[in-house]
Amino acid sequence: MRSQKDDDGHRDFPGRGLLINILRVFHIVGLAGISAVVLAGAGGAERWGGLMLVSGLGIVALDAWANPLYFRQAKGLGTLLKIALVGLLVLWEPGRLPLFWFVLAFSVALSHAPGRYRHRQLF
């Protein structure tokens, strides 16, 4: 019997959920590091930003593979925007604090928005 995921083009493989969760752990570690850089003046913006970038790209790659419509939906396009803004945050030191708070708020809003908004096809 085919599941709903089979009917709408979604793909999966054993261990995908575990792999995404491991990548999320590294992503949150990177967020903690960037938080220390921005809020406490610690060093290592490139290192922590790189960890966030690599882990985030891994999550995006797995999500996009599993959902062929990912980059047409609000969550996929919003994630691309977040990646660009974190890159800007790492490179543009004077703008770090406002960018940090914007990306944090945007990420929480996007992640916790109702599915009808996150999964909405924008084009």
N, C-alpha and C. Protein backbone atom coordinates (compact mmCIF):
# COMPACT_ATOMS: atom_id res chain seq x y z
N MET A 1 0.85 -1.19 0.00
CA MET A 1 0.00 0.00 0.00
C MET A 1 0.88 1.24 0.00
N ARG A 2 0.54 2.22 -0.81
CA ARG A 2 1.32 3.46 -0.90
C ARG A 2 0.86 4.44 0.16
N SER A 3 1.82 5.12 0.73
CA SER A 3 1.48 6.13 1.74
C SER A 3 1.26 7.48 1.06
N GLN A 4 0.76 8.45 1.83
CA GLN A 4 0.57 9.81 1.32
C GLN A 4 1.90 10.38 0.83
N LYS A 5 3.00 10.07 1.55
CA LYS A 5 4.30 10.59 1.12
C LYS A 5 4.67 10.09 -0.27
N ASP A 6 4.32 8.85 -0.57
CA ASP A 6 4.61 8.32 -1.90
C ASP A 6 3.81 9.06 -2.97
N ASP A 7 2.58 9.45 -2.63
CA ASP A 7 1.70 10.09 -3.61
C ASP A 7 2.08 11.53 -3.90
N ASP A 8 2.70 12.23 -2.97
CA ASP A 8 2.99 13.65 -3.20
C ASP A 8 4.45 13.91 -3.55
N GLY A 9 5.19 12.89 -3.87
CA GLY A 9 6.56 13.06 -4.33
C GLY A 9 7.62 13.06 -3.25
N HIS A 10 7.22 12.97 -1.99
CA HIS A 10 8.21 12.95 -0.90
C HIS A 10 9.01 11.65 -0.94
N ARG A 11 10.29 11.77 -0.56
CA ARG A 11 11.18 10.62 -0.52
C ARG A 11 11.76 10.51 0.89
N ASP A 12 12.22 9.32 1.22
CA ASP A 12 12.82 9.10 2.52
C ASP A 12 13.80 7.94 2.42
N PHE A 13 14.64 7.81 3.42
CA PHE A 13 15.52 6.66 3.53
C PHE A 13 15.74 6.39 5.01
N PRO A 14 16.04 5.15 5.37
CA PRO A 14 16.25 4.83 6.78
C PRO A 14 17.42 5.65 7.34
N GLY A 15 17.18 6.28 8.46
CA GLY A 15 18.23 7.07 9.10
C GLY A 15 18.23 8.54 8.74
N ARG A 16 17.35 8.96 7.82
CA ARG A 16 17.33 10.38 7.44
C ARG A 16 16.99 11.26 8.63
N GLY A 17 16.01 10.87 9.41
CA GLY A 17 15.62 11.65 10.59
C GLY A 17 16.76 11.77 11.59
N LEU A 18 17.47 10.68 11.82
CA LEU A 18 18.61 10.71 12.73
C LEU A 18 19.71 11.61 12.19
N LEU A 19 19.99 11.52 10.91
CA LEU A 19 21.02 12.35 10.30
C LEU A 19 20.67 13.84 10.41
N ILE A 20 19.41 14.18 10.16
CA ILE A 20 18.99 15.57 10.30
C ILE A 20 19.13 16.03 11.74
N ASN A 21 18.76 15.18 12.69
CA ASN A 21 18.89 15.57 14.10
C ASN A 21 20.35 15.78 14.50
N ILE A 22 21.25 14.96 14.00
CA ILE A 22 22.69 15.15 14.28
C ILE A 22 23.15 16.48 13.69
N LEU A 23 22.73 16.77 12.46
CA LEU A 23 23.08 18.05 11.84
C LEU A 23 22.50 19.22 12.63
N ARG A 24 21.30 19.05 13.18
CA ARG A 24 20.69 20.11 14.00
C ARG A 24 21.51 20.37 15.26
N VAL A 25 22.04 19.32 15.85
CA VAL A 25 22.90 19.50 17.04
C VAL A 25 24.08 20.38 16.68
N PHE A 26 24.76 20.08 15.58
CA PHE A 26 25.90 20.90 15.16
C PHE A 26 25.45 22.32 14.82
N HIS A 27 24.26 22.43 14.25
CA HIS A 27 23.74 23.75 13.89
C HIS A 27 23.51 24.60 15.15
N ILE A 28 22.96 24.00 16.17
CA ILE A 28 22.72 24.72 17.44
C ILE A 28 24.05 25.04 18.13
N VAL A 29 25.03 24.17 18.03
CA VAL A 29 26.37 24.49 18.57
C VAL A 29 26.93 25.71 17.85
N GLY A 30 26.78 25.75 16.53
CA GLY A 30 27.21 26.92 15.77
C GLY A 30 26.46 28.17 16.19
N LEU A 31 25.16 28.04 16.44
CA LEU A 31 24.36 29.17 16.91
C LEU A 31 24.87 29.66 18.27
N ALA A 32 25.19 28.73 19.15
CA ALA A 32 25.74 29.13 20.46
C ALA A 32 27.05 29.88 20.28
N GLY A 33 27.90 29.42 19.37
CA GLY A 33 29.16 30.09 19.10
C GLY A 33 28.96 31.48 18.52
N ILE A 34 28.07 31.59 17.54
CA ILE A 34 27.78 32.91 16.95
C ILE A 34 27.18 33.83 18.00
N SER A 35 26.36 33.28 18.88
CA SER A 35 25.78 34.09 19.96
C SER A 35 26.87 34.66 20.85
N ALA A 36 27.87 33.84 21.17
CA ALA A 36 29.00 34.32 21.99
C ALA A 36 29.77 35.41 21.26
N VAL A 37 29.94 35.23 19.96
CA VAL A 37 30.65 36.25 19.16
C VAL A 37 29.89 37.57 19.19
N VAL A 38 28.61 37.50 18.92
CA VAL A 38 27.81 38.73 18.78
C VAL A 38 27.52 39.37 20.13
N LEU A 39 27.12 38.56 21.10
CA LEU A 39 26.65 39.12 22.37
C LEU A 39 27.75 39.34 23.40
N ALA A 40 28.84 38.57 23.32
CA ALA A 40 29.89 38.68 24.34
C ALA A 40 31.23 39.12 23.76
N GLY A 41 31.28 39.36 22.47
CA GLY A 41 32.52 39.82 21.86
C GLY A 41 33.60 38.76 21.72
N ALA A 42 33.20 37.49 21.77
CA ALA A 42 34.16 36.41 21.59
C ALA A 42 34.65 36.39 20.15
N GLY A 43 35.73 35.69 19.90
CA GLY A 43 36.25 35.54 18.55
C GLY A 43 35.67 34.31 17.88
N GLY A 44 36.07 34.09 16.65
CA GLY A 44 35.70 32.87 15.94
C GLY A 44 34.45 32.95 15.10
N ALA A 45 34.10 34.15 14.65
CA ALA A 45 32.88 34.29 13.84
C ALA A 45 32.92 33.38 12.62
N GLU A 46 34.07 33.31 11.96
CA GLU A 46 34.17 32.49 10.76
C GLU A 46 34.00 31.01 11.08
N ARG A 47 34.60 30.57 12.18
CA ARG A 47 34.50 29.15 12.58
C ARG A 47 33.06 28.79 12.91
N TRP A 48 32.40 29.59 13.76
CA TRP A 48 31.03 29.28 14.17
C TRP A 48 30.07 29.47 13.00
N GLY A 49 30.29 30.50 12.21
CA GLY A 49 29.47 30.69 11.02
C GLY A 49 29.63 29.56 10.03
N GLY A 50 30.86 29.08 9.90
CA GLY A 50 31.12 27.94 9.01
C GLY A 50 30.42 26.68 9.48
N LEU A 51 30.43 26.45 10.79
CA LEU A 51 29.73 25.28 11.34
C LEU A 51 28.23 25.39 11.07
N MET A 52 27.68 26.59 11.28
CA MET A 52 26.26 26.79 10.99
C MET A 52 25.98 26.59 9.51
N LEU A 53 26.86 27.12 8.66
CA LEU A 53 26.66 27.01 7.22
C LEU A 53 26.69 25.55 6.75
N VAL A 54 27.71 24.81 7.15
CA VAL A 54 27.85 23.43 6.69
C VAL A 54 26.70 22.56 7.20
N SER A 55 26.38 22.69 8.49
CA SER A 55 25.29 21.89 9.04
C SER A 55 23.95 22.32 8.44
N GLY A 56 23.75 23.63 8.27
CA GLY A 56 22.52 24.12 7.67
C GLY A 56 22.35 23.66 6.24
N LEU A 57 23.44 23.70 5.46
CA LEU A 57 23.36 23.22 4.07
C LEU A 57 23.07 21.73 4.03
N GLY A 58 23.60 20.97 4.98
CA GLY A 58 23.28 19.55 5.05
C GLY A 58 21.81 19.32 5.31
N ILE A 59 21.25 20.07 6.24
CA ILE A 59 19.81 19.96 6.55
C ILE A 59 18.99 20.35 5.32
N VAL A 60 19.35 21.45 4.69
CA VAL A 60 18.63 21.91 3.49
C VAL A 60 18.71 20.86 2.38
N ALA A 61 19.89 20.29 2.17
CA ALA A 61 20.04 19.29 1.12
C ALA A 61 19.14 18.08 1.37
N LEU A 62 19.10 17.63 2.62
CA LEU A 62 18.25 16.48 2.94
C LEU A 62 16.77 16.84 2.81
N ASP A 63 16.39 18.02 3.28
CA ASP A 63 14.98 18.45 3.16
C ASP A 63 14.58 18.62 1.71
N ALA A 64 15.45 19.21 0.90
CA ALA A 64 15.14 19.42 -0.51
C ALA A 64 15.07 18.09 -1.27
N TRP A 65 15.93 17.15 -0.90
CA TRP A 65 15.88 15.83 -1.54
C TRP A 65 14.58 15.13 -1.19
N ALA A 66 14.18 15.22 0.08
CA ALA A 66 12.97 14.54 0.53
C ALA A 66 11.70 15.17 -0.03
N ASN A 67 11.74 16.49 -0.26
CA ASN A 67 10.57 17.22 -0.72
C ASN A 67 10.94 18.00 -1.98
N PRO A 68 10.61 17.46 -3.16
CA PRO A 68 10.98 18.13 -4.41
C PRO A 68 10.42 19.55 -4.55
N LEU A 69 9.41 19.92 -3.79
CA LEU A 69 8.83 21.26 -3.86
C LEU A 69 9.47 22.23 -2.88
N TYR A 70 10.48 21.79 -2.16
CA TYR A 70 11.06 22.55 -1.05
C TYR A 70 11.41 24.00 -1.43
N PHE A 71 12.07 24.19 -2.54
CA PHE A 71 12.52 25.54 -2.92
C PHE A 71 11.42 26.39 -3.56
N ARG A 72 10.23 25.84 -3.70
CA ARG A 72 9.08 26.61 -4.14
C ARG A 72 8.23 27.05 -2.95
N GLN A 73 8.52 26.49 -1.78
CA GLN A 73 7.73 26.75 -0.59
C GLN A 73 8.38 27.83 0.27
N ALA A 74 7.56 28.44 1.12
CA ALA A 74 8.05 29.50 1.99
C ALA A 74 9.22 29.03 2.86
N LYS A 75 9.15 27.80 3.38
CA LYS A 75 10.23 27.34 4.25
C LYS A 75 11.55 27.20 3.50
N GLY A 76 11.53 26.74 2.28
CA GLY A 76 12.76 26.60 1.51
C GLY A 76 13.37 27.94 1.14
N LEU A 77 12.53 28.85 0.66
CA LEU A 77 13.03 30.17 0.29
C LEU A 77 13.46 30.95 1.53
N GLY A 78 12.73 30.80 2.63
CA GLY A 78 13.12 31.45 3.87
C GLY A 78 14.46 30.94 4.38
N THR A 79 14.70 29.66 4.20
CA THR A 79 15.97 29.08 4.62
C THR A 79 17.12 29.62 3.78
N LEU A 80 16.91 29.77 2.49
CA LEU A 80 17.96 30.37 1.65
C LEU A 80 18.26 31.80 2.10
N LEU A 81 17.22 32.54 2.46
CA LEU A 81 17.42 33.90 2.97
C LEU A 81 18.22 33.88 4.27
N LYS A 82 17.90 32.94 5.16
CA LYS A 82 18.64 32.84 6.42
C LYS A 82 20.12 32.53 6.17
N ILE A 83 20.41 31.65 5.25
CA ILE A 83 21.80 31.31 4.94
C ILE A 83 22.55 32.55 4.46
N ALA A 84 21.93 33.31 3.57
CA ALA A 84 22.56 34.53 3.06
C ALA A 84 22.78 35.54 4.19
N LEU A 85 21.81 35.68 5.08
CA LEU A 85 21.93 36.65 6.17
C LEU A 85 22.99 36.24 7.19
N VAL A 86 23.12 34.94 7.45
CA VAL A 86 24.18 34.49 8.37
C VAL A 86 25.54 34.74 7.73
N GLY A 87 25.67 34.53 6.44
CA GLY A 87 26.92 34.85 5.76
C GLY A 87 27.25 36.33 5.89
N LEU A 88 26.25 37.17 5.72
CA LEU A 88 26.43 38.61 5.87
C LEU A 88 26.81 38.95 7.32
N LEU A 89 26.17 38.28 8.26
CA LEU A 89 26.45 38.50 9.68
C LEU A 89 27.93 38.20 9.99
N VAL A 90 28.44 37.14 9.43
CA VAL A 90 29.84 36.77 9.66
C VAL A 90 30.79 37.80 9.05
N LEU A 91 30.47 38.29 7.87
CA LEU A 91 31.37 39.17 7.13
C LEU A 91 31.26 40.64 7.51
N TRP A 92 30.09 41.09 7.96
CA TRP A 92 29.83 42.50 8.20
C TRP A 92 29.74 42.77 9.71
N GLU A 93 30.89 42.98 10.31
CA GLU A 93 30.97 43.13 11.76
C GLU A 93 30.09 44.24 12.32
N PRO A 94 30.03 45.43 11.71
CA PRO A 94 29.18 46.49 12.28
C PRO A 94 27.68 46.14 12.30
N GLY A 95 27.25 45.28 11.41
CA GLY A 95 25.84 44.92 11.35
C GLY A 95 25.47 43.65 12.08
N ARG A 96 26.42 43.07 12.79
CA ARG A 96 26.18 41.77 13.43
C ARG A 96 25.02 41.76 14.42
N LEU A 97 24.98 42.73 15.28
CA LEU A 97 23.96 42.69 16.33
C LEU A 97 22.54 42.77 15.76
N PRO A 98 22.22 43.75 14.93
CA PRO A 98 20.85 43.75 14.39
C PRO A 98 20.56 42.54 13.50
N LEU A 99 21.53 42.11 12.71
CA LEU A 99 21.32 40.92 11.88
C LEU A 99 21.10 39.68 12.73
N PHE A 100 21.86 39.55 13.80
CA PHE A 100 21.71 38.41 14.70
C PHE A 100 20.27 38.32 15.20
N TRP A 101 19.75 39.44 15.73
CA TRP A 101 18.40 39.42 16.29
C TRP A 101 17.35 39.22 15.21
N PHE A 102 17.57 39.80 14.03
CA PHE A 102 16.61 39.60 12.95
C PHE A 102 16.58 38.13 12.52
N VAL A 103 17.76 37.54 12.29
CA VAL A 103 17.81 36.14 11.85
C VAL A 103 17.23 35.22 12.91
N LEU A 104 17.53 35.49 14.17
CA LEU A 104 16.99 34.66 15.24
C LEU A 104 15.46 34.73 15.26
N ALA A 105 14.91 35.94 15.23
CA ALA A 105 13.45 36.10 15.25
C ALA A 105 12.81 35.50 13.99
N PHE A 106 13.42 35.74 12.84
CA PHE A 106 12.90 35.21 11.57
C PHE A 106 12.91 33.68 11.59
N SER A 107 13.98 33.10 12.11
CA SER A 107 14.10 31.63 12.16
C SER A 107 13.03 31.02 13.05
N VAL A 108 12.83 31.62 14.21
CA VAL A 108 11.81 31.10 15.12
C VAL A 108 10.43 31.24 14.50
N ALA A 109 10.15 32.39 13.91
CA ALA A 109 8.84 32.61 13.29
C ALA A 109 8.60 31.62 12.15
N LEU A 110 9.61 31.40 11.32
CA LEU A 110 9.47 30.48 10.20
C LEU A 110 9.32 29.04 10.68
N SER A 111 10.12 28.64 11.64
CA SER A 111 10.09 27.26 12.13
C SER A 111 8.79 26.91 12.84
N HIS A 112 8.20 27.88 13.50
CA HIS A 112 7.01 27.61 14.30
C HIS A 112 5.73 28.13 13.68
N ALA A 113 5.80 28.62 12.46
CA ALA A 113 4.60 29.05 11.75
C ALA A 113 3.75 27.83 11.43
N PRO A 114 2.44 28.00 11.34
CA PRO A 114 1.58 26.88 10.94
C PRO A 114 2.01 26.32 9.58
N GLY A 115 1.81 25.04 9.41
CA GLY A 115 2.19 24.38 8.17
C GLY A 115 1.60 25.01 6.93
N ARG A 116 0.40 25.57 7.03
CA ARG A 116 -0.22 26.18 5.85
C ARG A 116 0.59 27.36 5.34
N TYR A 117 1.39 27.98 6.22
CA TYR A 117 2.28 29.07 5.79
C TYR A 117 3.65 28.54 5.37
N ARG A 118 4.23 27.65 6.18
CA ARG A 118 5.57 27.12 5.86
C ARG A 118 5.57 26.36 4.54
N HIS A 119 4.52 25.62 4.28
CA HIS A 119 4.46 24.75 3.09
C HIS A 119 3.79 25.42 1.89
N ARG A 120 3.40 26.67 2.06
CA ARG A 120 2.74 27.39 0.96
C ARG A 120 3.70 27.54 -0.21
N GLN A 121 3.22 27.18 -1.39
CA GLN A 121 4.04 27.35 -2.59
C GLN A 121 3.97 28.81 -3.02
N LEU A 122 5.12 29.42 -3.12
CA LEU A 122 5.19 30.83 -3.49
C LEU A 122 5.27 31.02 -5.00
N PHE A 123 5.70 30.00 -5.70
CA PHE A 123 5.70 30.02 -7.16
C PHE A 123 5.72 28.60 -7.67
